[in-house]
Structures are given as C-alpha cells and as structure tokens.
C-alpha cells in the first residue's frame, strides 16, 4: 500500500471514530476523553465522576465496542 493510501485510510478511520464519539452521551464522551486523551486510570475517573470503577470499566468497554462496530461498517476488520 502506498504511503498516501495509508494516510487516507488513517484519516477515514479517524473520521469514523470522531463521528462515533459525537453520538455518545455527554458522560461517555467525558469518560472517553479522560481515559484516552488524558490518560486517567479507571479509579481516578470513578472518583472524578462519582461513579463506580466497574461502571467506568463497563462504559469504556461499550465505547470501544461501538467504535469497532462503526469501523467494521466502514469496511475495516479486526483480528481478535
């Protein structure tokens, strides 16, 4: 695959992820940002948002699942 094709593919994946995130509930967006962009741990997020660590872990799992599903709809597959 040529470098330009790889860059275009990466950009398309980013667009899909961004669109998926925009559709999430406000709290889920906040959890996503805290976890992935700010590098916070589940325990830190749970204290910040006053929810259980299990709830944080579960929400991160569901967010990932939604992103993966939307990427697959866009033609991208993943090996488990």
N, C-alpha and C. Protein backbone atom coordinates (compact mmCIF):
# COMPACT_ATOMS: atom_id res chain seq x y z
N UNK A 1 0.84 -1.18 0.00
CA UNK A 1 0.00 0.00 0.00
C UNK A 1 0.89 1.24 0.00
N UNK A 2 0.56 2.19 -0.84
CA UNK A 2 1.34 3.41 -0.92
C UNK A 2 1.10 4.27 0.31
N UNK A 3 2.10 5.11 0.59
CA UNK A 3 2.02 5.96 1.78
C UNK A 3 0.78 6.85 1.77
N UNK A 4 0.46 7.43 0.63
CA UNK A 4 -0.72 8.30 0.54
C UNK A 4 -2.00 7.53 0.82
N UNK A 5 -2.08 6.28 0.34
CA UNK A 5 -3.25 5.45 0.60
C UNK A 5 -3.37 5.14 2.09
N UNK A 6 -2.25 4.88 2.72
CA UNK A 6 -2.25 4.60 4.16
C UNK A 6 -2.73 5.83 4.94
N UNK A 7 -2.25 7.00 4.53
CA UNK A 7 -2.65 8.23 5.21
C UNK A 7 -4.15 8.50 5.03
N UNK A 8 -4.65 8.27 3.83
CA UNK A 8 -6.08 8.47 3.57
C UNK A 8 -6.92 7.48 4.39
N UNK A 9 -6.45 6.25 4.49
CA UNK A 9 -7.16 5.25 5.27
C UNK A 9 -7.18 5.63 6.74
N UNK A 10 -6.05 6.10 7.25
CA UNK A 10 -5.97 6.52 8.65
C UNK A 10 -6.94 7.67 8.91
N UNK A 11 -6.99 8.63 7.97
CA UNK A 11 -7.88 9.78 8.12
C UNK A 11 -9.35 9.33 8.14
N UNK A 12 -9.67 8.38 7.28
CA UNK A 12 -11.04 7.86 7.23
C UNK A 12 -11.40 7.18 8.54
N UNK A 13 -10.48 6.40 9.09
CA UNK A 13 -10.72 5.74 10.38
C UNK A 13 -10.93 6.78 11.48
N UNK A 14 -10.12 7.83 11.46
CA UNK A 14 -10.25 8.89 12.46
C UNK A 14 -11.62 9.55 12.35
N UNK A 15 -12.06 9.80 11.13
CA UNK A 15 -13.39 10.40 10.92
C UNK A 15 -14.49 9.52 11.48
N UNK A 16 -14.39 8.23 11.23
CA UNK A 16 -15.39 7.29 11.75
C UNK A 16 -15.40 7.32 13.28
N UNK A 17 -14.23 7.29 13.89
CA UNK A 17 -14.12 7.33 15.35
C UNK A 17 -14.69 8.63 15.90
N UNK A 18 -14.33 9.76 15.28
CA UNK A 18 -14.84 11.05 15.74
C UNK A 18 -16.36 11.11 15.65
N UNK A 19 -16.92 10.61 14.56
CA UNK A 19 -18.38 10.63 14.40
C UNK A 19 -19.06 9.73 15.42
N UNK A 20 -18.45 8.60 15.74
CA UNK A 20 -18.99 7.70 16.76
C UNK A 20 -18.99 8.39 18.11
N UNK A 21 -17.90 9.03 18.44
CA UNK A 21 -17.77 9.71 19.73
C UNK A 21 -18.81 10.84 19.86
N UNK A 22 -19.04 11.57 18.78
CA UNK A 22 -20.02 12.67 18.82
C UNK A 22 -21.42 12.19 19.15
N UNK A 23 -21.72 10.93 18.84
CA UNK A 23 -23.05 10.36 19.08
C UNK A 23 -23.23 9.85 20.51
N UNK A 24 -22.15 9.79 21.28
CA UNK A 24 -22.21 9.25 22.64
C UNK A 24 -22.89 10.23 23.59
N UNK A 25 -23.32 9.71 24.73
CA UNK A 25 -23.85 10.55 25.80
C UNK A 25 -22.71 11.42 26.34
N UNK A 26 -23.09 12.55 26.91
CA UNK A 26 -22.10 13.50 27.44
C UNK A 26 -21.13 12.84 28.42
N UNK A 27 -21.67 12.04 29.35
CA UNK A 27 -20.82 11.37 30.34
C UNK A 27 -19.84 10.39 29.67
N UNK A 28 -20.31 9.68 28.66
CA UNK A 28 -19.45 8.74 27.95
C UNK A 28 -18.33 9.46 27.20
N UNK A 29 -18.65 10.60 26.62
CA UNK A 29 -17.61 11.40 25.94
C UNK A 29 -16.56 11.84 26.96
N UNK A 30 -17.03 12.28 28.12
CA UNK A 30 -16.12 12.71 29.18
C UNK A 30 -15.21 11.56 29.62
N UNK A 31 -15.78 10.39 29.81
CA UNK A 31 -15.01 9.21 30.21
C UNK A 31 -13.99 8.87 29.13
N UNK A 32 -14.42 8.87 27.88
CA UNK A 32 -13.52 8.59 26.75
C UNK A 32 -12.34 9.55 26.75
N UNK A 33 -12.63 10.84 26.88
CA UNK A 33 -11.57 11.85 26.87
C UNK A 33 -10.62 11.70 28.05
N UNK A 34 -11.18 11.46 29.22
CA UNK A 34 -10.33 11.29 30.41
C UNK A 34 -9.43 10.08 30.27
N UNK A 35 -9.96 8.99 29.75
CA UNK A 35 -9.22 7.75 29.65
C UNK A 35 -8.18 7.78 28.51
N UNK A 36 -8.63 8.16 27.32
CA UNK A 36 -7.75 8.07 26.16
C UNK A 36 -6.89 9.31 25.91
N UNK A 37 -7.44 10.49 26.17
CA UNK A 37 -6.66 11.70 25.87
C UNK A 37 -5.86 12.20 27.07
N UNK A 38 -6.40 12.02 28.27
CA UNK A 38 -5.70 12.50 29.46
C UNK A 38 -5.00 11.39 30.22
N UNK A 39 -5.21 10.14 29.81
CA UNK A 39 -4.51 9.01 30.40
C UNK A 39 -4.88 8.70 31.84
N UNK A 40 -6.09 9.07 32.23
CA UNK A 40 -6.53 8.80 33.59
C UNK A 40 -6.87 7.32 33.76
N UNK A 41 -6.66 6.82 34.94
CA UNK A 41 -6.98 5.43 35.29
C UNK A 41 -8.46 5.33 35.68
N UNK A 42 -9.00 4.12 35.60
CA UNK A 42 -10.41 3.91 35.94
C UNK A 42 -10.74 4.44 37.34
N UNK A 43 -9.85 4.19 38.29
CA UNK A 43 -10.07 4.63 39.67
C UNK A 43 -10.16 6.17 39.75
N UNK A 44 -9.28 6.85 39.03
CA UNK A 44 -9.29 8.32 39.02
C UNK A 44 -10.60 8.84 38.41
N UNK A 45 -11.00 8.24 37.31
CA UNK A 45 -12.23 8.66 36.63
C UNK A 45 -13.43 8.43 37.53
N UNK A 46 -13.46 7.28 38.20
CA UNK A 46 -14.60 6.99 39.07
C UNK A 46 -14.72 8.02 40.19
N UNK A 47 -13.60 8.44 40.75
CA UNK A 47 -13.62 9.45 41.81
C UNK A 47 -14.05 10.81 41.25
N UNK A 48 -13.54 11.15 40.07
CA UNK A 48 -13.87 12.45 39.46
C UNK A 48 -15.36 12.56 39.13
N UNK A 49 -15.94 11.46 38.64
CA UNK A 49 -17.33 11.49 38.18
C UNK A 49 -18.31 10.90 39.20
N UNK A 50 -17.77 10.47 40.33
CA UNK A 50 -18.58 9.90 41.41
C UNK A 50 -19.43 8.71 40.93
N UNK A 51 -18.76 7.81 40.21
CA UNK A 51 -19.39 6.55 39.78
C UNK A 51 -18.43 5.42 40.12
N UNK A 52 -18.90 4.20 40.09
CA UNK A 52 -18.05 3.08 40.48
C UNK A 52 -16.98 2.80 39.42
N UNK A 53 -15.90 2.18 39.85
CA UNK A 53 -14.85 1.77 38.91
C UNK A 53 -15.41 0.79 37.90
N UNK A 54 -16.30 -0.09 38.34
CA UNK A 54 -16.91 -1.06 37.44
C UNK A 54 -17.70 -0.34 36.34
N UNK A 55 -18.42 0.72 36.71
CA UNK A 55 -19.20 1.47 35.72
C UNK A 55 -18.28 2.12 34.69
N UNK A 56 -17.15 2.64 35.15
CA UNK A 56 -16.18 3.24 34.23
C UNK A 56 -15.65 2.18 33.27
N UNK A 57 -15.23 1.05 33.83
CA UNK A 57 -14.70 -0.04 33.02
C UNK A 57 -15.73 -0.51 31.99
N UNK A 58 -16.96 -0.65 32.43
CA UNK A 58 -18.04 -1.10 31.55
C UNK A 58 -18.30 -0.09 30.44
N UNK A 59 -18.30 1.18 30.77
CA UNK A 59 -18.54 2.22 29.77
C UNK A 59 -17.41 2.27 28.74
N UNK A 60 -16.18 2.13 29.18
CA UNK A 60 -15.04 2.12 28.25
C UNK A 60 -15.16 0.93 27.31
N UNK A 61 -15.53 -0.22 27.86
CA UNK A 61 -15.72 -1.41 27.03
C UNK A 61 -16.80 -1.17 25.97
N UNK A 62 -17.92 -0.59 26.38
CA UNK A 62 -19.03 -0.34 25.45
C UNK A 62 -18.66 0.70 24.39
N UNK A 63 -17.92 1.72 24.79
CA UNK A 63 -17.47 2.73 23.84
C UNK A 63 -16.57 2.09 22.78
N UNK A 64 -15.62 1.28 23.23
CA UNK A 64 -14.73 0.58 22.29
C UNK A 64 -15.53 -0.29 21.33
N UNK A 65 -16.52 -0.97 21.87
CA UNK A 65 -17.36 -1.86 21.06
C UNK A 65 -18.12 -1.07 19.99
N UNK A 66 -18.65 0.10 20.35
CA UNK A 66 -19.35 0.95 19.39
C UNK A 66 -18.40 1.44 18.30
N UNK A 67 -17.20 1.84 18.70
CA UNK A 67 -16.22 2.32 17.73
C UNK A 67 -15.84 1.20 16.77
N UNK A 68 -15.59 0.02 17.32
CA UNK A 68 -15.24 -1.13 16.49
C UNK A 68 -16.35 -1.46 15.51
N UNK A 69 -17.60 -1.44 15.99
CA UNK A 69 -18.75 -1.74 15.14
C UNK A 69 -18.85 -0.74 13.99
N UNK A 70 -18.67 0.54 14.30
CA UNK A 70 -18.75 1.56 13.25
C UNK A 70 -17.59 1.45 12.27
N UNK A 71 -16.41 1.09 12.76
CA UNK A 71 -15.27 0.89 11.86
C UNK A 71 -15.53 -0.29 10.93
N UNK A 72 -16.13 -1.35 11.47
CA UNK A 72 -16.44 -2.52 10.65
C UNK A 72 -17.50 -2.17 9.59
N UNK A 73 -18.47 -1.34 9.97
CA UNK A 73 -19.47 -0.88 8.99
C UNK A 73 -18.78 -0.09 7.88
N UNK A 74 -17.70 0.59 8.22
CA UNK A 74 -16.94 1.37 7.24
C UNK A 74 -15.99 0.52 6.41
N UNK A 75 -16.00 -0.78 6.65
CA UNK A 75 -15.19 -1.70 5.83
C UNK A 75 -13.87 -2.12 6.44
N UNK A 76 -13.66 -1.79 7.69
CA UNK A 76 -12.42 -2.17 8.36
C UNK A 76 -12.68 -3.36 9.27
N UNK A 77 -11.79 -4.35 9.22
CA UNK A 77 -11.97 -5.54 10.05
C UNK A 77 -10.82 -5.67 11.02
N UNK A 78 -11.06 -6.44 12.08
CA UNK A 78 -10.07 -6.62 13.12
C UNK A 78 -9.92 -8.08 13.45
N UNK A 79 -8.70 -8.49 13.68
CA UNK A 79 -8.44 -9.85 14.12
C UNK A 79 -8.46 -9.86 15.64
N UNK A 80 -9.20 -10.77 16.19
CA UNK A 80 -9.31 -10.88 17.66
C UNK A 80 -8.19 -11.74 18.19
